[in-house]
C-alpha cells in the first residue's frame, strides 16, 4: 500500500526530526532514523516499479512525476535531518580553548 505524497513526506520528516533529536543526544542512535527512512523509500520504490500490483486508485502515483518528487524530497529531508543533528552535536560539544 502506497502512502499519499503528503503522508510520505510527513512520515519521513517526522522520522528525520526524531533522528535529529536522537543524534543530538547520542550519536549512534541516528543510525535508526537513517535506516527507517531508507527502508520507507526503498519499499515505496519497489511498489512503484510494479504498478499492476497496485490498486486502481494508487496506479496514478506510478504515472505522476509529482509523487516521485515528493519521494525524493522526503528521502532527502529524512536523511539530512539526522546529519544536521550530528553536526550540531559535534559543534556544540567543542569547548573553546581556555587561556
Protein backbone atom coordinates (compact mmCIF):
# COMPACT_ATOMS: atom_id res chain seq x y z
CA UNK A 1 0.00 0.00 0.00
CA UNK A 2 1.41 3.35 -1.01
CA UNK A 3 1.21 6.38 1.19
CA UNK A 4 -0.14 9.58 -0.36
CA UNK A 5 2.56 12.11 -1.13
CA UNK A 6 1.75 14.30 1.88
CA UNK A 7 1.81 11.23 4.12
CA UNK A 8 5.15 10.10 2.72
CA UNK A 9 6.72 13.48 3.38
CA UNK A 10 5.17 13.67 6.85
CA UNK A 11 6.40 10.23 7.89
CA UNK A 12 9.94 10.72 6.57
CA UNK A 13 10.32 14.20 8.04
CA UNK A 14 8.92 13.04 11.39
CA UNK A 15 11.43 10.19 11.48
CA UNK A 16 14.14 12.67 10.43
CA UNK A 17 13.24 15.06 13.25
CA UNK A 18 13.30 12.17 15.72
CA UNK A 19 16.73 11.30 14.31
CA UNK A 20 17.87 14.91 14.72
CA UNK A 21 16.87 14.90 18.39
CA UNK A 22 18.35 11.45 18.96
CA UNK A 23 21.61 12.34 17.19
CA UNK A 24 21.98 15.44 19.31
CA UNK A 25 21.77 13.31 22.47
CA UNK A 26 23.62 10.15 21.39
CA UNK A 27 25.37 9.98 18.04
CA UNK A 28 24.89 6.28 17.31
CA UNK A 29 21.09 6.44 17.61
CA UNK A 30 20.81 8.48 14.42
CA UNK A 31 21.50 5.26 12.50
CA UNK A 32 18.00 4.02 13.31
CA UNK A 33 16.35 7.07 11.73
CA UNK A 34 18.58 6.75 8.66
CA UNK A 35 17.72 3.06 8.25
CA UNK A 36 13.99 3.75 8.72
CA UNK A 37 13.94 6.46 6.02
CA UNK A 38 15.92 4.29 3.59
CA UNK A 39 13.54 1.37 4.19
CA UNK A 40 10.45 3.55 3.63
CA UNK A 41 11.89 4.94 0.39
CA UNK A 42 13.01 1.51 -0.82
CA UNK A 43 9.63 -0.06 -0.11
CA UNK A 44 7.92 2.78 -1.99
CA UNK A 45 10.24 2.39 -4.99
CA UNK A 46 9.66 -1.37 -5.09
CA UNK A 47 5.90 -0.83 -5.06
CA UNK A 48 6.11 1.82 -7.78
CA UNK A 49 8.10 -0.49 -10.06
CA UNK A 50 5.19 -2.96 -10.22
CA UNK A 51 2.10 -0.84 -10.96
CA UNK A 52 -0.04 -3.89 -11.77
CA UNK A 53 0.02 -4.98 -8.12
CA UNK A 54 -1.27 -1.57 -7.03
CA UNK A 55 -4.94 -0.79 -6.62
CA UNK A 56 -6.60 1.29 -9.30
CA UNK A 57 -6.58 4.40 -7.08
CA UNK A 58 -2.86 4.03 -6.42
CA UNK A 59 -1.81 3.41 -10.02
CA UNK A 60 -1.92 7.12 -10.70
CA UNK A 61 1.04 7.53 -8.32
CA UNK A 62 3.18 5.40 -10.62
CA UNK A 63 2.39 7.74 -13.51
CA UNK A 64 2.81 11.01 -11.64
CA UNK A 65 6.14 12.85 -11.53
CA UNK A 66 4.90 14.90 -8.59
CA UNK A 67 4.81 11.76 -6.43
CA UNK A 68 8.38 10.94 -7.40
CA UNK A 69 9.43 14.48 -6.49
CA UNK A 70 7.70 14.08 -3.11
CA UNK A 71 9.51 10.76 -2.62
CA UNK A 72 12.84 12.40 -3.45
CA UNK A 73 12.37 15.33 -1.08
CA UNK A 74 11.03 13.10 1.68
CA UNK A 75 14.16 10.97 1.38
CA UNK A 76 16.49 13.98 1.29
CA UNK A 77 14.90 15.64 4.31
CA UNK A 78 14.61 12.39 6.24
CA UNK A 79 18.30 11.62 5.75
CA UNK A 80 19.59 15.19 6.13
CA UNK A 81 17.96 15.94 9.48
CA UNK A 82 19.91 13.29 11.45
CA UNK A 83 23.09 14.50 9.76
CA UNK A 84 22.29 18.03 10.95
CA UNK A 85 21.82 16.62 14.45
CA UNK A 86 25.26 15.02 14.29
CA UNK A 87 26.77 18.30 13.11
CA UNK A 88 25.09 20.25 15.90
CA UNK A 89 26.27 17.69 18.44
CA UNK A 90 29.85 17.98 17.27
CA UNK A 91 29.85 21.78 17.07
CA UNK A 92 28.22 22.39 20.47
CA UNK A 93 30.27 19.76 22.28
CA UNK A 94 33.54 21.50 21.39
CA UNK A 95 34.76 23.80 24.08
CA UNK A 96 36.82 26.86 23.30
CA UNK A 97 40.45 26.71 24.44
CA UNK A 98 40.95 28.20 27.87
CA UNK A 99 43.80 30.64 28.38
